[in-house]
Amino acid sequence: MSRLEQIEQFVRDLEPRELAEFATWFEAYQARQWDNRFTSDVQKGALDALADQALGQLRAGKTKPL
């Protein structure tokens, strides 16, 4: 059985309260992972071209209010 299959089985076996606690923890974990990746991308300049394009469209009046 793979590690992923073991995790899946473990999650299936959790009691409802434990599953709720795990879900809360995992959601926070995923958010931290996303934040870390985003921060890394910003520091590397990986989003600079996209930001420049968006700002250019804003300056050119090619945007709509949300």
PDB file of N, CA and C in Angstrom:
ATOM      1  N   MET A   1       0.851  -1.173   0.000  1.00  0.00           N
ATOM      2  CA  MET A   1       0.000   0.000   0.000  1.00  0.00           C
ATOM      3  C   MET A   1       0.899   1.240   0.000  1.00  0.00           C
ATOM      4  N   SER A   2       0.586   2.186  -0.881  1.00  0.00           N
ATOM      5  CA  SER A   2       1.384   3.408  -0.969  1.00  0.00           C
ATOM      6  C   SER A   2       1.116   4.313   0.236  1.00  0.00           C
ATOM      7  N   ARG A   3       1.973   5.285   0.415  1.00  0.00           N
ATOM      8  CA  ARG A   3       1.780   6.239   1.517  1.00  0.00           C
ATOM      9  C   ARG A   3       0.458   6.975   1.359  1.00  0.00           C
ATOM     10  N   LEU A   4       0.145   7.352   0.132  1.00  0.00           N
ATOM     11  CA  LEU A   4      -1.108   8.056  -0.104  1.00  0.00           C
ATOM     12  C   LEU A   4      -2.304   7.178   0.245  1.00  0.00           C
ATOM     13  N   GLU A   5      -2.257   5.936  -0.148  1.00  0.00           N
ATOM     14  CA  GLU A   5      -3.345   5.011   0.191  1.00  0.00           C
ATOM     15  C   GLU A   5      -3.467   4.832   1.707  1.00  0.00           C
ATOM     16  N   GLN A   6      -2.336   4.798   2.392  1.00  0.00           N
ATOM     17  CA  GLN A   6      -2.360   4.686   3.853  1.00  0.00           C
ATOM     18  C   GLN A   6      -3.016   5.913   4.482  1.00  0.00           C
ATOM     19  N   ILE A   7      -2.669   7.070   3.961  1.00  0.00           N
ATOM     20  CA  ILE A   7      -3.264   8.310   4.477  1.00  0.00           C
ATOM     21  C   ILE A   7      -4.765   8.317   4.221  1.00  0.00           C
ATOM     22  N   GLU A   8      -5.156   7.934   3.006  1.00  0.00           N
ATOM     23  CA  GLU A   8      -6.580   7.890   2.676  1.00  0.00           C
ATOM     24  C   GLU A   8      -7.330   6.964   3.630  1.00  0.00           C
ATOM     25  N   GLN A   9      -6.764   5.807   3.897  1.00  0.00           N
ATOM     26  CA  GLN A   9      -7.411   4.860   4.807  1.00  0.00           C
ATOM     27  C   GLN A   9      -7.489   5.437   6.215  1.00  0.00           C
ATOM     28  N   PHE A  10      -6.417   6.059   6.652  1.00  0.00           N
ATOM     29  CA  PHE A  10      -6.399   6.667   7.976  1.00  0.00           C
ATOM     30  C   PHE A  10      -7.495   7.722   8.097  1.00  0.00           C
ATOM     31  N   VAL A  11      -7.633   8.558   7.066  1.00  0.00           N
ATOM     32  CA  VAL A  11      -8.651   9.609   7.088  1.00  0.00           C
ATOM     33  C   VAL A  11     -10.048   8.998   7.112  1.00  0.00           C
ATOM     34  N   ARG A  12     -10.259   7.951   6.322  1.00  0.00           N
ATOM     35  CA  ARG A  12     -11.569   7.280   6.321  1.00  0.00           C
ATOM     36  C   ARG A  12     -11.920   6.728   7.701  1.00  0.00           C
ATOM     37  N   ASP A  13     -10.924   6.337   8.463  1.00  0.00           N
ATOM     38  CA  ASP A  13     -11.147   5.724   9.775  1.00  0.00           C
ATOM     39  C   ASP A  13     -11.318   6.734  10.914  1.00  0.00           C
ATOM     40  N   LEU A  14     -11.144   8.011  10.637  1.00  0.00           N
ATOM     41  CA  LEU A  14     -11.270   9.020  11.688  1.00  0.00           C
ATOM     42  C   LEU A  14     -12.717   9.145  12.157  1.00  0.00           C
ATOM     43  N   GLU A  15     -12.852   9.433  13.427  1.00  0.00           N
ATOM     44  CA  GLU A  15     -14.168   9.753  13.988  1.00  0.00           C
ATOM     45  C   GLU A  15     -14.579  11.137  13.466  1.00  0.00           C
ATOM     46  N   PRO A  16     -15.865  11.445  13.435  1.00  0.00           N
ATOM     47  CA  PRO A  16     -16.312  12.739  12.906  1.00  0.00           C
ATOM     48  C   PRO A  16     -15.602  13.946  13.527  1.00  0.00           C
ATOM     49  N   ARG A  17     -15.418  13.939  14.839  1.00  0.00           N
ATOM     50  CA  ARG A  17     -14.733  15.060  15.498  1.00  0.00           C
ATOM     51  C   ARG A  17     -13.284  15.157  15.030  1.00  0.00           C
ATOM     52  N   GLU A  18     -12.627  14.007  14.935  1.00  0.00           N
ATOM     53  CA  GLU A  18     -11.237  13.980  14.474  1.00  0.00           C
ATOM     54  C   GLU A  18     -11.145  14.440  13.021  1.00  0.00           C
ATOM     55  N   LEU A  19     -12.105  14.026  12.204  1.00  0.00           N
ATOM     56  CA  LEU A  19     -12.112  14.435  10.800  1.00  0.00           C
ATOM     57  C   LEU A  19     -12.276  15.945  10.689  1.00  0.00           C
ATOM     58  N   ALA A  20     -13.141  16.517  11.497  1.00  0.00           N
ATOM     59  CA  ALA A  20     -13.329  17.969  11.491  1.00  0.00           C
ATOM     60  C   ALA A  20     -12.043  18.683  11.902  1.00  0.00           C
ATOM     61  N   GLU A  21     -11.374  18.171  12.923  1.00  0.00           N
ATOM     62  CA  GLU A  21     -10.107  18.765  13.360  1.00  0.00           C
ATOM     63  C   GLU A  21      -9.049  18.642  12.270  1.00  0.00           C
ATOM     64  N   PHE A  22      -8.994  17.477  11.632  1.00  0.00           N
ATOM     65  CA  PHE A  22      -8.032  17.275  10.549  1.00  0.00           C
ATOM     66  C   PHE A  22      -8.324  18.223   9.392  1.00  0.00           C
ATOM     67  N   ALA A  23      -9.599  18.354   9.035  1.00  0.00           N
ATOM     68  CA  ALA A  23      -9.972  19.230   7.925  1.00  0.00           C
ATOM     69  C   ALA A  23      -9.559  20.671   8.208  1.00  0.00           C
ATOM     70  N   THR A  24      -9.762  21.118   9.443  1.00  0.00           N
ATOM     71  CA  THR A  24      -9.362  22.471   9.827  1.00  0.00           C
ATOM     72  C   THR A  24      -7.850  22.629   9.722  1.00  0.00           C
ATOM     73  N   TRP A  25      -7.127  21.656  10.236  1.00  0.00           N
ATOM     74  CA  TRP A  25      -5.663  21.705  10.168  1.00  0.00           C
ATOM     75  C   TRP A  25      -5.192  21.694   8.713  1.00  0.00           C
ATOM     76  N   PHE A  26      -5.770  20.814   7.894  1.00  0.00           N
ATOM     77  CA  PHE A  26      -5.307  20.676   6.517  1.00  0.00           C
ATOM     78  C   PHE A  26      -5.605  21.928   5.702  1.00  0.00           C
ATOM     79  N   GLU A  27      -6.739  22.551   5.949  1.00  0.00           N
ATOM     80  CA  GLU A  27      -7.062  23.801   5.261  1.00  0.00           C
ATOM     81  C   GLU A  27      -6.025  24.873   5.597  1.00  0.00           C
ATOM     82  N   ALA A  28      -5.671  24.982   6.870  1.00  0.00           N
ATOM     83  CA  ALA A  28      -4.657  25.956   7.284  1.00  0.00           C
ATOM     84  C   ALA A  28      -3.297  25.602   6.687  1.00  0.00           C
ATOM     85  N   TYR A  29      -2.981  24.320   6.633  1.00  0.00           N
ATOM     86  CA  TYR A  29      -1.722  23.863   6.045  1.00  0.00           C
ATOM     87  C   TYR A  29      -1.654  24.253   4.569  1.00  0.00           C
ATOM     88  N   GLN A  30      -2.730  24.001   3.835  1.00  0.00           N
ATOM     89  CA  GLN A  30      -2.750  24.354   2.420  1.00  0.00           C
ATOM     90  C   GLN A  30      -2.611  25.863   2.230  1.00  0.00           C
ATOM     91  N   ALA A  31      -3.253  26.645   3.081  1.00  0.00           N
ATOM     92  CA  ALA A  31      -3.155  28.102   2.988  1.00  0.00           C
ATOM     93  C   ALA A  31      -1.719  28.556   3.219  1.00  0.00           C
ATOM     94  N   ARG A  32      -1.046  27.960   4.209  1.00  0.00           N
ATOM     95  CA  ARG A  32       0.361  28.310   4.462  1.00  0.00           C
ATOM     96  C   ARG A  32       1.232  27.939   3.265  1.00  0.00           C
ATOM     97  N   GLN A  33       0.989  26.772   2.691  1.00  0.00           N
ATOM     98  CA  GLN A  33       1.762  26.342   1.523  1.00  0.00           C
ATOM     99  C   GLN A  33       1.575  27.329   0.376  1.00  0.00           C
ATOM    100  N   TRP A  34       0.327  27.735   0.136  1.00  0.00           N
ATOM    101  CA  TRP A  34       0.033  28.679  -0.937  1.00  0.00           C
ATOM    102  C   TRP A  34       0.718  30.016  -0.661  1.00  0.00           C
ATOM    103  N   ASP A  35       0.606  30.504   0.576  1.00  0.00           N
ATOM    104  CA  ASP A  35       1.248  31.765   0.943  1.00  0.00           C
ATOM    105  C   ASP A  35       2.756  31.696   0.732  1.00  0.00           C
ATOM    106  N   ASN A  36       3.371  30.596   1.136  1.00  0.00           N
ATOM    107  CA  ASN A  36       4.818  30.440   0.966  1.00  0.00           C
ATOM    108  C   ASN A  36       5.195  30.431  -0.507  1.00  0.00           C
ATOM    109  N   ARG A  37       4.428  29.738  -1.326  1.00  0.00           N
ATOM    110  CA  ARG A  37       4.709  29.685  -2.763  1.00  0.00           C
ATOM    111  C   ARG A  37       4.542  31.062  -3.389  1.00  0.00           C
ATOM    112  N   PHE A  38       3.478  31.765  -3.011  1.00  0.00           N
ATOM    113  CA  PHE A  38       3.225  33.097  -3.543  1.00  0.00           C
ATOM    114  C   PHE A  38       4.356  34.045  -3.157  1.00  0.00           C
ATOM    115  N   THR A  39       4.753  34.013  -1.887  1.00  0.00           N
ATOM    116  CA  THR A  39       5.844  34.862  -1.415  1.00  0.00           C
ATOM    117  C   THR A  39       7.124  34.570  -2.183  1.00  0.00           C
ATOM    118  N   SER A  40       7.415  33.302  -2.387  1.00  0.00           N
ATOM    119  CA  SER A  40       8.603  32.909  -3.139  1.00  0.00           C
ATOM    120  C   SER A  40       8.535  33.418  -4.573  1.00  0.00           C
ATOM    121  N   ASP A  41       7.384  33.265  -5.206  1.00  0.00           N
ATOM    122  CA  ASP A  41       7.219  33.738  -6.584  1.00  0.00           C
ATOM    123  C   ASP A  41       7.399  35.248  -6.674  1.00  0.00           C
ATOM    124  N   VAL A  42       6.866  35.981  -5.701  1.00  0.00           N
ATOM    125  CA  VAL A  42       7.014  37.436  -5.684  1.00  0.00           C
ATOM    126  C   VAL A  42       8.485  37.803  -5.536  1.00  0.00           C
ATOM    127  N   GLN A  43       9.184  37.158  -4.614  1.00  0.00           N
ATOM    128  CA  GLN A  43      10.594  37.463  -4.381  1.00  0.00           C
ATOM    129  C   GLN A  43      11.454  37.153  -5.601  1.00  0.00           C
ATOM    130  N   LYS A  44      11.085  36.120  -6.350  1.00  0.00           N
ATOM    131  CA  LYS A  44      11.836  35.752  -7.556  1.00  0.00           C
ATOM    132  C   LYS A  44      11.458  36.611  -8.755  1.00  0.00           C
ATOM    133  N   GLY A  45      10.412  37.425  -8.612  1.00  0.00           N
ATOM    134  CA  GLY A  45       9.970  38.252  -9.726  1.00  0.00           C
ATOM    135  C   GLY A  45       9.117  37.499 -10.734  1.00  0.00           C
ATOM    136  N   ALA A  46       8.631  36.331 -10.355  1.00  0.00           N
ATOM    137  CA  ALA A  46       7.874  35.494 -11.285  1.00  0.00           C
ATOM    138  C   ALA A  46       6.540  36.116 -11.690  1.00  0.00           C
ATOM    139  N   LEU A  47       6.062  37.083 -10.916  1.00  0.00           N
ATOM    140  CA  LEU A  47       4.768  37.698 -11.218  1.00  0.00           C
ATOM    141  C   LEU A  47       4.911  39.107 -11.785  1.00  0.00           C
ATOM    142  N   ASP A  48       6.135  39.562 -11.964  1.00  0.00           N
ATOM    143  CA  ASP A  48       6.362  40.931 -12.416  1.00  0.00           C
ATOM    144  C   ASP A  48       5.731  41.215 -13.773  1.00  0.00           C
ATOM    145  N   ALA A  49       5.890  40.313 -14.725  1.00  0.00           N
ATOM    146  CA  ALA A  49       5.338  40.535 -16.064  1.00  0.00           C
ATOM    147  C   ALA A  49       3.819  40.623 -16.012  1.00  0.00           C
ATOM    148  N   LEU A  50       3.210  39.768 -15.236  1.00  0.00           N
ATOM    149  CA  LEU A  50       1.754  39.783 -15.096  1.00  0.00           C
ATOM    150  C   LEU A  50       1.289  41.087 -14.448  1.00  0.00           C
ATOM    151  N   ALA A  51       1.994  41.526 -13.419  1.00  0.00           N
ATOM    152  CA  ALA A  51       1.649  42.783 -12.750  1.00  0.00           C
ATOM    153  C   ALA A  51       1.824  43.960 -13.702  1.00  0.00           C
ATOM    154  N   ASP A  52       2.906  43.968 -14.471  1.00  0.00           N
ATOM    155  CA  ASP A  52       3.136  45.043 -15.437  1.00  0.00           C
ATOM    156  C   ASP A  52       2.026  45.088 -16.479  1.00  0.00           C
ATOM    157  N   GLN A  53       1.602  43.924 -16.945  1.00  0.00           N
ATOM    158  CA  GLN A  53       0.520  43.855 -17.929  1.00  0.00           C
ATOM    159  C   GLN A  53      -0.775  44.410 -17.334  1.00  0.00           C
ATOM    160  N   ALA A  54      -1.091  44.022 -16.117  1.00  0.00           N
ATOM    161  CA  ALA A  54      -2.317  44.495 -15.468  1.00  0.00           C
ATOM    162  C   ALA A  54      -2.274  46.008 -15.250  1.00  0.00           C
ATOM    163  N   LEU A  55      -1.142  46.516 -14.807  1.00  0.00           N
ATOM    164  CA  LEU A  55      -1.018  47.958 -14.592  1.00  0.00           C
ATOM    165  C   LEU A  55      -1.109  48.716 -15.906  1.00  0.00           C
ATOM    166  N   GLY A  56      -0.549  48.155 -16.963  1.00  0.00           N
ATOM    167  CA  GLY A  56      -0.649  48.771 -18.284  1.00  0.00           C
ATOM    168  C   GLY A  56      -2.094  48.855 -18.750  1.00  0.00           C
ATOM    169  N   GLN A  57      -2.852  47.797 -18.537  1.00  0.00           N
ATOM    170  CA  GLN A  57      -4.266  47.809 -18.916  1.00  0.00           C
ATOM    171  C   GLN A  57      -5.053  48.807 -18.071  1.00  0.00           C
ATOM    172  N   LEU A  58      -4.703  48.920 -16.804  1.00  0.00           N
ATOM    173  CA  LEU A  58      -5.360  49.895 -15.936  1.00  0.00           C
ATOM    174  C   LEU A  58      -5.088  51.313 -16.429  1.00  0.00           C
ATOM    175  N   ARG A  59      -3.841  51.613 -16.725  1.00  0.00           N
ATOM    176  CA  ARG A  59      -3.466  52.954 -17.203  1.00  0.00           C
ATOM    177  C   ARG A  59      -4.118  53.274 -18.539  1.00  0.00           C
ATOM    178  N   ALA A  60      -4.319  52.256 -19.369  1.00  0.00           N
ATOM    179  CA  ALA A  60      -4.919  52.452 -20.689  1.00  0.00           C
ATOM    180  C   ALA A  60      -6.445  52.502 -20.621  1.00  0.00           C
ATOM    181  N   GLY A  61      -7.001  52.377 -19.435  1.00  0.00           N
ATOM    182  CA  GLY A  61      -8.449  52.428 -19.286  1.00  0.00           C
ATOM    183  C   GLY A  61      -9.159  51.182 -19.785  1.00  0.00           C
ATOM    184  N   LYS A  62      -8.464  50.062 -19.817  1.00  0.00           N
ATOM    185  CA  LYS A  62      -9.040  48.815 -20.333  1.00  0.00           C
ATOM    186  C   LYS A  62      -9.548  47.903 -19.216  1.00  0.00           C
ATOM    187  N   THR A  63      -9.860  48.485 -18.072  1.00  0.00           N
ATOM    188  CA  THR A  63     -10.348  47.678 -16.953  1.00  0.00           C
ATOM    189  C   THR A  63     -11.770  48.092 -16.597  1.00  0.00           C
ATOM    190  N   LYS A  64     -12.441  47.223 -15.859  1.00  0.00           N
ATOM    191  CA  LYS A  64     -13.801  47.509 -15.390  1.00  0.00           C
ATOM    192  C   LYS A  64     -13.815  47.400 -13.870  1.00  0.00           C
ATOM    193  N   PRO A  65     -14.631  48.223 -13.219  1.00  0.00           N
ATOM    194  CA  PRO A  65     -14.747  48.072 -11.765  1.00  0.00           C
ATOM    195  C   PRO A  65     -15.392  46.729 -11.427  1.00  0.00           C
ATOM    196  N   LEU A  66     -15.004  46.181 -10.310  1.00  0.00           N
ATOM    197  CA  LEU A  66     -15.606  44.912  -9.886  1.00  0.00           C
ATOM    198  C   LEU A  66     -16.950  45.129  -9.251  1.00  0.00           C
TER     199      LEU A  66
END
